[in-house]
């Protein structure tokens, strides 16, 4: 067989699959197992000695053939040295922080991180003697002024949750490298197709695989991708110390979802940009907070570092009474009310950045509404929003 040059479209179809061609199924089977059997005590002991190494079959918690294929696939897509699959996106954030922070150390967390990540810092890390400082994600090289003698980690999210600021990733990671710190970024929004943070200097990339990677709102898993083998070994040992693992069925669903990731993202992007144009023409919309929008903070960094526009963003409404906003949301038929995002269905929820921020003040006056643009017909989504917006003018 001729070896084809690397191509993301082909990689999404062919990575993470058996190389044997005769009589194999298109999809890897679900490896639902705990106990792994060995032919001899010597084979068992060899596996035990190598249990932290990639691809070593030892016990179900340490991974199975499908887990290893998925981890290798995500690692290749991110251009990383290794990937650890875990049970959720929050677990990926928590394990990565526990890996590179320790009691008595200090960490820097972007003020726009995913809410549960912030809660983990507040409710767990602080109780174990880790000092946490939140910073303005738009600080750039100014983050140098926040680094202390015991700082160990800088944690970013790009774009930020709720308000979608895009930080200057290379500027911040340069400070991290100059100071000998570990930089971690939540790259769930962009997936490896729209941004590869490791190529921008990031040490560790975390993902919620429940979002675009799985794509069908039916899987719970996360990923930790590292720039070096040493970091991979640290993260893998930490996840196993917690007894965490990605479920067999979730691994199967993620491998399935990855096959259509590119084509889904293209549709999400196309619909999102059309809906943004419509929203900007509505008198009740003060601002669209999407990195592709020129007035979104960090738009210039998005243009430089990202290759596409995902379907999650927020809109800031004019000063409108809360009940009218609630009536608008409740009147929608295609936009459902629910947590998460990145699936095939469109979602809507109000968000309140002011409720959590401590390093940056949310000064905007109008209500903030988060939209996830799914795979429904674009014009139908616009028509649905038009009906909902009519309630804002009653």
Protein backbone atom coordinates (compact mmCIF):
# COMPACT_ATOMS: atom_id res chain seq x y z
CA UNK A 1 0.00 0.00 0.00
CA UNK A 2 1.32 3.46 -0.89
CA UNK A 3 1.99 5.67 2.13
CA UNK A 4 -0.02 8.87 1.82
CA UNK A 5 1.21 12.26 3.08
CA UNK A 6 -0.24 13.54 6.34
CA UNK A 7 -3.67 15.04 5.82
CA UNK A 8 -6.08 15.87 8.63
CA UNK A 9 -9.11 14.64 6.69
CA UNK A 10 -7.51 11.25 6.08
CA UNK A 11 -6.09 11.05 9.60
CA UNK A 12 -9.52 11.47 11.18
CA UNK A 13 -10.76 8.49 9.19
CA UNK A 14 -7.77 6.17 9.48
CA UNK A 15 -5.95 6.93 12.75
CA UNK A 16 -6.87 4.83 15.76
CA UNK A 17 -7.75 1.74 13.75
CA UNK A 18 -6.12 -1.67 13.40
CA UNK A 19 -3.59 -1.90 10.60
CA UNK A 20 -4.65 -5.46 9.78
CA UNK A 21 -6.87 -5.28 6.70
CA UNK A 22 -8.14 -8.81 6.16
CA UNK A 23 -11.43 -9.45 7.89
CA UNK A 24 -11.34 -6.58 10.37
CA UNK A 25 -14.33 -4.45 11.28
CA UNK A 26 -14.45 -0.76 10.40
CA UNK A 27 -14.70 0.22 14.07
CA UNK A 28 -12.70 -1.09 16.99
CA UNK A 29 -14.84 -3.21 19.30
CA UNK A 30 -15.78 -2.07 22.79
CA UNK A 31 -13.12 -3.45 25.13
CA UNK A 32 -15.22 -3.98 28.25
CA UNK A 33 -12.78 -5.66 30.59
CA UNK A 34 -11.13 -5.39 33.96
CA UNK A 35 -8.90 -8.49 34.19
CA UNK A 36 -6.16 -9.09 31.64
CA UNK A 37 -4.87 -12.67 31.44
CA UNK A 38 -1.26 -13.73 30.84
CA UNK A 39 0.29 -16.97 29.63
CA UNK A 40 2.97 -17.02 32.30
CA UNK A 41 4.00 -15.39 35.53
CA UNK A 42 6.96 -13.91 33.69
CA UNK A 43 4.66 -12.17 31.19
CA UNK A 44 2.55 -10.83 34.05
CA UNK A 45 5.60 -9.51 35.88
CA UNK A 46 6.90 -7.83 32.72
CA UNK A 47 3.55 -6.11 32.23
CA UNK A 48 3.52 -5.03 35.87
CA UNK A 49 6.98 -3.51 35.51
CA UNK A 50 5.93 -1.63 32.35
CA UNK A 51 2.39 -0.76 33.44
CA UNK A 52 2.96 3.00 33.12
CA UNK A 53 4.33 2.70 29.60
CA UNK A 54 2.17 3.46 26.57
CA UNK A 55 0.30 0.48 25.23
CA UNK A 56 1.08 -1.93 28.05
CA UNK A 57 -1.81 -4.28 28.83
CA UNK A 58 -1.80 -4.97 32.57
CA UNK A 59 -5.20 -4.32 34.15
CA UNK A 60 -8.35 -2.71 32.80
CA UNK A 61 -7.80 0.56 34.66
CA UNK A 62 -4.47 1.01 32.88
CA UNK A 63 -6.08 0.90 29.45
CA UNK A 64 -6.97 -1.50 26.68
CA UNK A 65 -6.34 -1.64 22.92
CA UNK A 66 -9.15 0.83 22.14
CA UNK A 67 -8.02 3.26 24.85
CA UNK A 68 -4.47 3.18 23.53
CA UNK A 69 -5.64 3.77 19.95
CA UNK A 70 -7.76 6.75 21.03
CA UNK A 71 -4.94 8.24 23.11
CA UNK A 72 -2.50 7.86 20.21
CA UNK A 73 -4.97 9.47 17.84
CA UNK A 74 -5.57 12.51 20.06
CA UNK A 75 -1.84 12.85 20.67
CA UNK A 76 -1.07 12.82 16.95
CA UNK A 77 -3.80 15.33 16.18
CA UNK A 78 -2.40 17.66 18.86
CA UNK A 79 1.22 17.02 17.81
CA UNK A 80 1.97 16.00 21.38
CA UNK A 81 4.22 13.38 22.95
CA UNK A 82 1.44 11.49 24.70
CA UNK A 83 -2.20 11.55 25.76
CA UNK A 84 -3.99 10.30 28.87
CA UNK A 85 -7.71 9.55 28.50
CA UNK A 86 -9.69 10.19 31.69
CA UNK A 87 -13.32 10.09 32.78
CA UNK A 88 -14.38 13.71 32.07
CA UNK A 89 -13.17 17.13 31.01
CA UNK A 90 -13.13 18.30 34.62
CA UNK A 91 -11.03 15.27 35.55
CA UNK A 92 -8.56 16.28 32.82
CA UNK A 93 -8.32 19.77 34.32
CA UNK A 94 -8.06 18.48 37.89
CA UNK A 95 -5.49 15.75 37.19
CA UNK A 96 -3.30 18.10 35.16
CA UNK A 97 -3.33 20.65 37.98
CA UNK A 98 -2.60 17.98 40.60
CA UNK A 99 0.25 16.68 38.46
CA UNK A 100 2.14 19.95 38.18
CA UNK A 101 1.15 21.75 41.40
CA UNK A 102 2.01 20.65 44.92
CA UNK A 103 1.41 21.69 48.51
CA UNK A 104 3.04 25.04 49.13
CA UNK A 105 3.20 26.00 45.47
CA UNK A 106 1.45 28.88 43.75
CA UNK A 107 -0.56 28.67 40.54
CA UNK A 108 -1.94 31.29 38.15
CA UNK A 109 -5.45 30.66 36.78
CA UNK A 110 -7.16 32.69 34.06
CA UNK A 111 -10.18 34.49 35.47
CA UNK A 112 -12.32 33.12 32.62
CA UNK A 113 -11.79 29.39 33.20
CA UNK A 114 -14.54 26.81 33.14
CA UNK A 115 -16.53 27.19 36.37
CA UNK A 116 -15.91 23.67 37.73
CA UNK A 117 -12.15 24.16 37.21
CA UNK A 118 -12.35 27.25 39.39
CA UNK A 119 -14.34 25.31 41.98
CA UNK A 120 -11.68 22.59 42.02
CA UNK A 121 -9.05 25.23 42.74
CA UNK A 122 -11.18 26.79 45.48
CA UNK A 123 -12.52 23.65 47.13
CA UNK A 124 -9.65 21.21 46.71
CA UNK A 125 -6.30 22.77 45.84
CA UNK A 126 -6.52 25.56 48.39
CA UNK A 127 -7.36 23.01 51.10
CA UNK A 128 -4.16 21.17 50.24
CA UNK A 129 -1.94 24.20 50.58
CA UNK A 130 -1.84 25.46 47.00
CA UNK A 131 -2.09 29.22 46.63
CA UNK A 132 -4.25 30.37 43.72
CA UNK A 133 -4.12 33.74 41.95
CA UNK A 134 -6.58 34.58 39.16
CA UNK A 135 -5.44 36.81 36.33
CA UNK A 136 -6.91 38.81 33.47
CA UNK A 137 -6.63 36.51 30.42
CA UNK A 138 -5.67 39.51 28.29
CA UNK A 139 -2.61 40.24 30.43
CA UNK A 140 -0.12 38.93 27.86
CA UNK A 141 3.52 39.28 28.92
CA UNK A 142 2.32 41.25 31.94
CA UNK A 143 1.74 37.91 33.63
CA UNK A 144 5.45 38.03 34.41
CA UNK A 145 4.59 40.45 37.24
CA UNK A 146 2.36 37.84 38.90
CA UNK A 147 4.93 35.06 39.02
CA UNK A 148 6.18 34.29 42.53
CA UNK A 149 9.16 32.25 43.69
CA UNK A 150 6.94 29.22 44.28
CA UNK A 151 4.77 29.56 41.14
CA UNK A 152 4.54 26.24 39.30
CA UNK A 153 1.61 26.45 36.85
CA UNK A 154 -0.12 28.90 34.52
CA UNK A 155 -3.58 27.66 33.48
CA UNK A 156 -5.35 29.20 30.47
CA UNK A 157 -8.57 28.70 28.58
CA UNK A 158 -8.87 29.82 24.96
CA UNK A 159 -11.35 31.28 24.45
CA UNK A 160 -12.58 31.93 27.98
CA UNK A 161 -15.83 30.47 29.28
CA UNK A 162 -18.87 32.67 28.95
CA UNK A 163 -17.21 35.77 27.53
CA UNK A 164 -14.85 34.20 24.97
CA UNK A 165 -11.75 36.35 25.31
CA UNK A 166 -8.78 34.89 23.42
CA UNK A 167 -5.47 35.32 25.26
CA UNK A 168 -2.10 35.88 23.63
CA UNK A 169 -1.05 32.27 24.06
CA UNK A 170 2.55 32.53 22.77
CA UNK A 171 3.25 35.60 24.94
CA UNK A 172 2.08 33.88 28.10
CA UNK A 173 3.76 30.56 27.35
CA UNK A 174 7.04 32.35 26.69
CA UNK A 175 6.91 33.76 30.21
CA UNK A 176 6.14 30.26 31.49
CA UNK A 177 9.14 28.76 29.69
CA UNK A 178 11.45 31.60 30.76
CA UNK A 179 10.41 31.06 34.39
CA UNK A 180 10.45 27.26 34.27
CA UNK A 181 6.68 26.96 34.80
CA UNK A 182 4.24 24.44 33.35
CA UNK A 183 1.61 26.00 31.08
CA UNK A 184 -1.76 24.24 30.79
CA UNK A 185 -4.57 25.23 28.46
CA UNK A 186 -8.16 24.08 28.11
CA UNK A 187 -8.50 23.71 24.34
CA UNK A 188 -11.96 22.14 24.23
CA UNK A 189 -13.57 24.95 22.17
CA UNK A 190 -11.15 24.75 19.27
CA UNK A 191 -10.36 21.01 19.19
CA UNK A 192 -7.01 20.05 17.61
CA UNK A 193 -8.45 20.98 14.22
CA UNK A 194 -8.81 24.70 14.89
CA UNK A 195 -5.81 25.21 17.17
CA UNK A 196 -2.76 23.21 18.25
CA UNK A 197 -1.57 24.91 21.46
CA UNK A 198 1.56 22.77 21.80
CA UNK A 199 2.88 24.39 18.61
CA UNK A 200 2.32 27.75 20.35
CA UNK A 201 4.49 26.80 23.30
CA UNK A 202 1.94 25.21 25.65
CA UNK A 203 3.11 22.28 27.78
CA UNK A 204 -0.22 20.54 28.45
CA UNK A 205 -3.54 20.66 26.59
CA UNK A 206 -6.73 19.40 28.22
CA UNK A 207 -10.01 18.63 26.49
CA UNK A 208 -13.50 17.67 27.43
CA UNK A 209 -14.07 14.81 25.03
CA UNK A 210 -17.77 15.08 25.82
CA UNK A 211 -18.01 18.11 23.52
CA UNK A 212 -17.01 18.27 19.85
CA UNK A 213 -14.69 15.26 19.90
CA UNK A 214 -17.52 12.85 20.71
CA UNK A 215 -20.05 15.17 19.14
CA UNK A 216 -23.27 13.37 20.04
CA UNK A 217 -23.94 14.41 23.66
CA UNK A 218 -23.67 10.83 24.85
CA UNK A 219 -20.11 10.37 26.16
CA UNK A 220 -18.25 11.49 29.28
CA UNK A 221 -14.47 11.59 29.00
CA UNK A 222 -11.51 13.94 28.90
CA UNK A 223 -7.96 14.09 27.57
CA UNK A 224 -4.61 15.33 28.83
CA UNK A 225 -2.06 15.84 26.04
CA UNK A 226 1.53 16.70 26.88
CA UNK A 227 4.38 18.23 24.92
CA UNK A 228 7.02 15.86 26.33
CA UNK A 229 7.29 12.22 27.33
CA UNK A 230 8.31 13.21 30.85
CA UNK A 231 5.14 15.25 31.30
CA UNK A 232 3.10 12.37 29.87
CA UNK A 233 4.57 9.94 32.39
CA UNK A 234 3.78 12.34 35.24
CA UNK A 235 0.18 12.86 34.12
CA UNK A 236 -0.43 9.15 33.51
CA UNK A 237 0.89 8.18 36.93
CA UNK A 238 -1.25 10.86 38.60
CA UNK A 239 -4.44 9.75 36.84
CA UNK A 240 -3.78 6.13 37.78
CA UNK A 241 -3.01 7.14 41.37
CA UNK A 242 -6.56 8.49 41.50
CA UNK A 243 -7.88 5.26 40.00
CA UNK A 244 -9.39 7.19 37.12
CA UNK A 245 -10.04 5.78 33.67
CA UNK A 246 -12.07 6.51 30.57
CA UNK A 247 -15.02 4.13 30.25
CA UNK A 248 -14.92 1.51 27.51
CA UNK A 249 -18.14 2.64 25.87
CA UNK A 250 -17.10 6.30 26.05
CA UNK A 251 -13.82 5.43 24.33
CA UNK A 252 -15.78 3.71 21.57
CA UNK A 253 -18.05 6.76 21.18
CA UNK A 254 -15.10 9.15 21.02
CA UNK A 255 -13.38 7.10 18.32
CA UNK A 256 -16.64 7.11 16.37
CA UNK A 257 -17.14 10.84 16.84
CA UNK A 258 -13.65 11.72 15.68
CA UNK A 259 -14.35 10.25 12.24
CA UNK A 260 -16.82 13.05 11.48
CA UNK A 261 -15.20 15.85 13.50
CA UNK A 262 -13.96 17.86 10.53
CA UNK A 263 -17.20 17.76 8.57
CA UNK A 264 -19.22 18.60 11.69
CA UNK A 265 -17.00 21.55 12.57
CA UNK A 266 -17.35 22.91 9.04
CA UNK A 267 -21.13 22.92 9.40
CA UNK A 268 -21.01 24.36 12.93
CA UNK A 269 -18.79 27.16 11.64
CA UNK A 270 -20.87 27.92 8.57
CA UNK A 271 -24.11 28.11 10.55
CA UNK A 272 -22.51 30.08 13.38
CA UNK A 273 -21.12 32.81 11.15
CA UNK A 274 -24.46 33.23 9.37
CA UNK A 275 -26.33 33.41 12.68
CA UNK A 276 -23.83 35.92 14.04
CA UNK A 277 -24.48 38.17 11.04
CA UNK A 278 -28.21 37.97 11.75
CA UNK A 279 -27.75 38.65 15.45
CA UNK A 280 -25.62 41.73 14.82
CA UNK A 281 -28.52 43.24 12.90
CA UNK A 282 -30.93 42.87 15.84
CA UNK A 283 -31.55 46.06 17.86
CA UNK A 284 -31.77 44.10 21.11
CA UNK A 285 -28.23 42.69 20.68
CA UNK A 286 -25.53 45.00 22.03
CA UNK A 287 -22.56 42.78 21.19
CA UNK A 288 -21.68 39.33 19.93
CA UNK A 289 -18.89 37.69 21.94
CA UNK A 290 -17.34 35.26 19.50
CA UNK A 291 -13.62 35.26 18.64
CA UNK A 292 -14.48 35.69 14.95
CA UNK A 293 -16.23 38.97 15.78
CA UNK A 294 -13.80 41.94 15.51
CA UNK A 295 -15.00 43.53 18.75
CA UNK A 296 -14.45 40.36 20.80
CA UNK A 297 -11.35 40.77 23.03
CA UNK A 298 -8.44 38.89 21.52
CA UNK A 299 -9.91 38.74 18.01
CA UNK A 300 -6.47 39.51 16.60
CA UNK A 301 -4.97 36.55 18.46
CA UNK A 302 -7.74 34.29 17.19
CA UNK A 303 -6.96 35.39 13.62
CA UNK A 304 -3.28 34.62 14.17
CA UNK A 305 -3.43 31.34 16.13
CA UNK A 306 -6.71 29.63 15.19
CA UNK A 307 -7.92 28.06 11.95
CA UNK A 308 -11.65 28.13 12.48
CA UNK A 309 -14.70 29.29 14.39
CA UNK A 310 -16.50 26.91 16.72
CA UNK A 311 -20.23 27.13 17.40
CA UNK A 312 -20.23 28.24 21.05
CA UNK A 313 -20.48 31.94 21.85
CA UNK A 314 -22.42 34.54 23.82
CA UNK A 315 -24.50 37.56 23.01
CA UNK A 316 -24.87 40.61 25.20
CA UNK A 317 -28.38 41.98 25.11
CA UNK A 318 -29.49 45.55 25.60
CA UNK A 319 -30.90 46.47 29.01
CA UNK A 320 -33.91 44.15 28.98
CA UNK A 321 -35.92 42.98 32.01
CA UNK A 322 -35.08 39.47 33.18
CA UNK A 323 -38.61 38.17 32.68
CA UNK A 324 -38.57 39.11 29.00
CA UNK A 325 -35.27 37.27 28.58
CA UNK A 326 -36.75 34.23 30.29
CA UNK A 327 -39.81 34.42 28.02
CA UNK A 328 -37.53 34.56 25.00
CA UNK A 329 -35.55 31.49 26.04
CA UNK A 330 -38.65 29.51 27.01
CA UNK A 331 -40.34 30.25 23.68
CA UNK A 332 -37.62 28.63 21.54
CA UNK A 333 -38.32 25.27 19.95
CA UNK A 334 -35.01 24.30 18.29
CA UNK A 335 -32.71 25.78 20.94
CA UNK A 336 -32.95 23.51 23.97
CA UNK A 337 -32.07 24.39 27.56
CA UNK A 338 -29.28 22.23 28.93
CA UNK A 339 -25.66 22.00 30.02
CA UNK A 340 -22.65 21.09 27.90
CA UNK A 341 -22.27 21.89 24.21
CA UNK A 342 -20.55 20.65 21.08
CA UNK A 343 -23.23 18.13 20.18
CA UNK A 344 -25.53 18.06 17.19
CA UNK A 345 -28.31 19.95 18.97
CA UNK A 346 -28.51 23.71 19.53
CA UNK A 347 -28.57 24.93 23.13
CA UNK A 348 -29.16 28.18 24.99
CA UNK A 349 -28.52 29.32 28.57
CA UNK A 350 -28.09 32.63 30.41
CA UNK A 351 -24.66 33.17 31.99
CA UNK A 352 -23.46 35.55 34.68
CA UNK A 353 -19.70 36.23 34.54
CA UNK A 354 -19.92 38.72 37.41
CA UNK A 355 -20.85 35.90 39.80
CA UNK A 356 -17.35 34.39 39.76
CA UNK A 357 -14.71 36.82 38.54
CA UNK A 358 -12.23 38.27 40.96
CA UNK A 359 -9.37 39.55 38.78
CA UNK A 360 -11.51 41.20 36.10
CA UNK A 361 -14.76 43.05 36.50
CA UNK A 362 -17.66 42.33 34.18
CA UNK A 363 -18.86 45.88 33.51
CA UNK A 364 -21.43 45.22 30.82
CA UNK A 365 -25.01 46.15 31.64
CA UNK A 366 -27.15 43.81 29.60
CA UNK A 367 -27.96 40.13 30.13
CA UNK A 368 -25.52 37.60 28.66
CA UNK A 369 -26.88 34.60 26.76
CA UNK A 370 -24.75 31.64 25.66
CA UNK A 371 -25.62 29.87 22.42
CA UNK A 372 -24.43 26.54 21.08
CA UNK A 373 -25.12 26.26 17.36
CA UNK A 374 -25.89 22.69 16.42
CA UNK A 375 -26.42 20.92 13.12
CA UNK A 376 -30.03 21.90 12.46
CA UNK A 377 -30.94 23.82 9.32
CA UNK A 378 -29.37 27.27 9.63
CA UNK A 379 -32.38 29.24 8.44
CA UNK A 380 -34.62 27.27 10.80
CA UNK A 381 -32.38 28.28 13.70
CA UNK A 382 -32.57 31.93 12.65
CA UNK A 383 -36.34 31.68 12.35
CA UNK A 384 -36.50 30.16 15.83
CA UNK A 385 -34.41 33.00 17.25
CA UNK A 386 -36.61 35.54 15.46
CA UNK A 387 -39.67 34.16 17.23
CA UNK A 388 -37.84 34.23 20.54
CA UNK A 389 -36.59 37.78 20.02
CA UNK A 390 -40.13 38.98 19.40
CA UNK A 391 -40.73 38.40 23.12
CA UNK A 392 -37.99 40.89 23.95
CA UNK A 393 -40.02 43.66 22.33
CA UNK A 394 -43.36 42.92 23.96
